[in-house]
Protein backbone atom coordinates (compact mmCIF):
# COMPACT_ATOMS: atom_id res chain seq x y z
CA MET A 1 -79.32 -48.39 19.75
CA THR A 2 -80.00 -51.54 18.25
CA GLN A 3 -78.40 -54.97 19.40
CA ASP A 4 -76.38 -54.83 15.84
CA ASP A 5 -75.07 -51.66 16.84
CA ALA A 6 -73.98 -52.69 20.54
CA VAL A 7 -70.47 -53.87 19.87
CA LEU A 8 -68.51 -52.29 17.38
CA GLU A 9 -65.24 -53.61 15.41
CA ASP A 10 -62.89 -52.44 18.19
CA GLY A 11 -65.21 -54.41 20.96
CA THR A 12 -65.88 -51.11 22.90
CA GLY A 13 -69.68 -51.03 22.12
CA THR A 14 -69.46 -47.31 21.76
CA PRO A 15 -68.48 -45.21 18.55
CA ALA A 16 -65.36 -42.96 18.79
CA ASP A 17 -66.20 -39.06 19.16
CA GLY A 18 -67.49 -38.03 15.69
CA GLU A 19 -67.75 -41.65 14.03
CA ARG A 20 -70.88 -43.45 13.24
CA PRO A 21 -70.56 -47.36 13.25
CA ALA A 22 -70.56 -48.81 9.97
CA ALA A 23 -73.71 -49.84 9.00
CA ALA A 24 -74.57 -53.61 8.93
CA PRO A 25 -75.45 -55.25 5.84
CA THR A 26 -79.12 -55.07 4.89
CA ARG A 27 -81.13 -57.96 4.66
CA ALA A 28 -81.70 -57.51 1.13
CA SER A 29 -78.35 -57.28 0.35
CA ARG A 30 -77.50 -60.61 2.31
CA GLY A 31 -80.57 -62.19 0.48
CA PHE A 32 -78.77 -61.25 -2.60
CA GLU A 33 -75.39 -62.63 -1.81
CA VAL A 34 -77.37 -65.90 -0.74
CA VAL A 35 -79.17 -65.88 -4.35
CA LEU A 36 -75.54 -65.38 -5.88
CA ILE A 37 -74.25 -68.55 -3.91
CA LEU A 38 -77.14 -70.72 -4.92
CA VAL A 39 -76.55 -69.70 -8.61
CA TYR A 40 -72.83 -70.28 -8.43
CA ALA A 41 -73.57 -73.69 -6.65
CA LEU A 42 -75.94 -74.57 -9.53
CA PHE A 43 -73.27 -73.94 -11.96
CA ALA A 44 -70.77 -75.88 -10.14
CA LEU A 45 -73.00 -78.73 -10.01
CA SER A 46 -74.01 -78.48 -13.72
CA ALA A 47 -70.73 -77.73 -14.95
CA THR A 48 -69.00 -80.47 -13.24
CA ALA A 49 -71.64 -83.20 -14.11
CA ARG A 50 -71.14 -82.15 -17.74
CA SER A 51 -67.40 -82.10 -17.75
CA LEU A 52 -67.02 -85.67 -15.96
CA VAL A 53 -69.58 -86.99 -18.36
CA GLN A 54 -67.81 -85.80 -21.22
CA ILE A 55 -64.34 -86.76 -19.97
CA LEU A 56 -65.55 -90.00 -19.15
CA ARG A 57 -67.58 -91.05 -22.37
CA GLY A 58 -64.65 -89.67 -24.53
CA PHE A 59 -61.65 -87.44 -23.86
CA GLU A 60 -59.95 -88.15 -26.87
CA GLN A 61 -62.87 -86.60 -29.03
CA ALA A 62 -62.40 -83.14 -27.80
CA PRO A 63 -59.94 -83.02 -25.00
CA LEU A 64 -59.46 -78.99 -25.12
CA ALA A 65 -63.23 -78.62 -24.87
CA TYR A 66 -63.81 -81.06 -21.95
CA LEU A 67 -60.87 -79.54 -20.10
CA LEU A 68 -62.43 -76.23 -20.48
CA SER A 69 -65.56 -77.53 -19.14
CA LEU A 70 -63.78 -78.82 -16.16
CA ALA A 71 -61.96 -75.39 -15.73
CA ALA A 72 -65.43 -73.67 -15.57
CA ALA A 73 -66.63 -76.17 -13.29
CA LEU A 74 -63.66 -75.58 -10.76
CA THR A 75 -63.80 -72.00 -11.18
CA TYR A 76 -67.66 -72.07 -10.10
CA ILE A 77 -66.75 -74.42 -7.24
CA ALA A 78 -64.08 -71.89 -6.00
CA VAL A 79 -66.30 -68.77 -6.32
CA THR A 80 -69.07 -70.73 -4.23
CA VAL A 81 -66.74 -71.86 -1.63
CA ALA A 82 -65.11 -68.27 -1.52
CA LEU A 83 -68.48 -66.67 -1.14
CA ILE A 84 -69.54 -68.87 1.59
CA ARG A 85 -66.46 -68.70 3.40
CA GLY A 86 -65.15 -65.29 2.92
CA GLY A 87 -68.24 -63.31 1.56
CA ARG A 88 -68.60 -60.58 -0.83
CA ARG A 89 -65.59 -58.63 0.65
CA SER A 90 -63.16 -61.31 0.12
CA PRO A 91 -60.40 -60.39 -2.02
CA VAL A 92 -60.37 -63.80 -3.37
CA VAL A 93 -64.03 -63.57 -4.39
CA LEU A 94 -62.97 -60.55 -6.59
CA GLY A 95 -59.86 -62.46 -8.10
CA LEU A 96 -61.98 -65.60 -8.80
CA CYS A 97 -64.80 -63.53 -10.54
CA LEU A 98 -62.01 -61.79 -12.64
CA VAL A 99 -60.63 -64.93 -13.55
CA GLU A 100 -63.93 -66.38 -14.54
CA LEU A 101 -64.79 -63.28 -16.62
CA ALA A 102 -61.54 -63.75 -18.52
CA GLY A 103 -62.07 -67.44 -19.05
CA VAL A 104 -65.73 -66.87 -20.41
CA LEU A 105 -64.54 -63.73 -22.78
CA LEU A 106 -61.41 -65.70 -23.75
CA VAL A 107 -63.10 -69.10 -24.69
CA GLY A 108 -66.11 -67.37 -26.08
CA THR A 109 -64.03 -65.48 -28.47
CA LEU A 110 -61.83 -68.59 -29.41
CA THR A 111 -65.07 -70.51 -30.15
CA TYR A 112 -66.04 -67.78 -32.83
CA ALA A 113 -62.54 -66.80 -34.12
CA LEU A 114 -61.12 -70.45 -34.06
CA PRO A 115 -63.93 -72.88 -34.00
CA GLY A 116 -61.87 -75.59 -35.15
CA LEU A 117 -60.06 -75.83 -31.85
CA PHE A 118 -63.53 -77.27 -30.29
CA ALA A 119 -64.57 -80.58 -31.60
CA ASP A 120 -67.35 -80.02 -28.92
CA ALA A 121 -69.20 -77.50 -26.75
CA THR A 122 -67.87 -76.20 -23.39
CA VAL A 123 -69.66 -74.46 -20.59
CA TRP A 124 -68.23 -71.02 -21.76
CA THR A 125 -68.78 -71.79 -25.63
CA HIS A 126 -69.95 -68.81 -27.67
CA TYR A 127 -69.84 -66.85 -24.01
CA GLY A 128 -72.08 -69.47 -22.37
CA GLN A 129 -74.93 -69.44 -25.23
CA GLY A 130 -75.98 -73.15 -24.24
CA TYR A 131 -76.65 -71.97 -20.90
CA GLY A 132 -78.44 -68.62 -21.88
CA PHE A 133 -75.39 -66.58 -21.53
CA VAL A 134 -75.65 -66.91 -17.99
CA PRO A 135 -71.88 -67.91 -17.64
CA LEU A 136 -71.46 -64.25 -19.15
CA ALA A 137 -73.76 -62.55 -17.04
CA LEU A 138 -72.72 -64.11 -13.82
CA PRO A 139 -69.37 -62.77 -13.32
CA LEU A 140 -70.35 -59.37 -14.41
CA ILE A 141 -73.23 -59.45 -11.85
CA ALA A 142 -70.72 -60.63 -9.14
CA LEU A 143 -68.20 -58.33 -9.97
CA VAL A 144 -70.41 -55.24 -9.74
CA TYR A 145 -72.09 -56.73 -6.41
CA VAL A 146 -68.78 -57.03 -4.78
CA LEU A 147 -67.28 -53.83 -6.13
CA LEU A 148 -70.62 -51.79 -5.07
CA THR A 149 -70.53 -53.41 -1.55
CA ARG A 150 -66.72 -53.04 -1.07
CA ARG A 151 -67.25 -49.26 -1.90
CA ALA A 152 -70.21 -48.93 0.51
CA GLY A 153 -68.07 -50.35 3.19
CA ARG A 154 -65.16 -47.95 2.40
CA ALA A 155 -67.57 -45.00 3.27
CA THR A 156 -66.09 -42.61 5.56
CA PRO A 157 -67.55 -41.89 8.90
CA ILE A 158 -69.85 -38.89 9.43
CA ALA A 159 -68.89 -36.42 11.92
CA ALA A 160 -71.60 -35.84 14.58
CA ALA A 161 -73.48 -32.58 13.94
């Protein structure tokens, strides 16, 4: 038994009859979570800087676009904080990633369908084209990761042979 297996969730230190302890997250999965947090933090920083510069330089030129850039920044900040505080199994992370994806899809679609609404680009314009489509890929990757780790965490205990 490894040191990680020594204390189970019930605090007893031994598995119940016929149950195996839940596997601890592997170093690789934790590493991916750290990379995800770093990417979200980078986007939080860049989107915040972009939106603040846009708003301070001339909010009246494109208020909708600049407020949407600020909304993107706040979303990235929220996901970063939620991942740090609650981890990938937090229901808050799942909800925020869904909100983020909805925002990217809505703003991306509107910038193609109604370009006149946007006097300037946002972080999510054309599905994040100005950022190499990372704003579109990021919530998709995060959602797949969160859902797969939740699914793995729900695996039923295997009976002892």
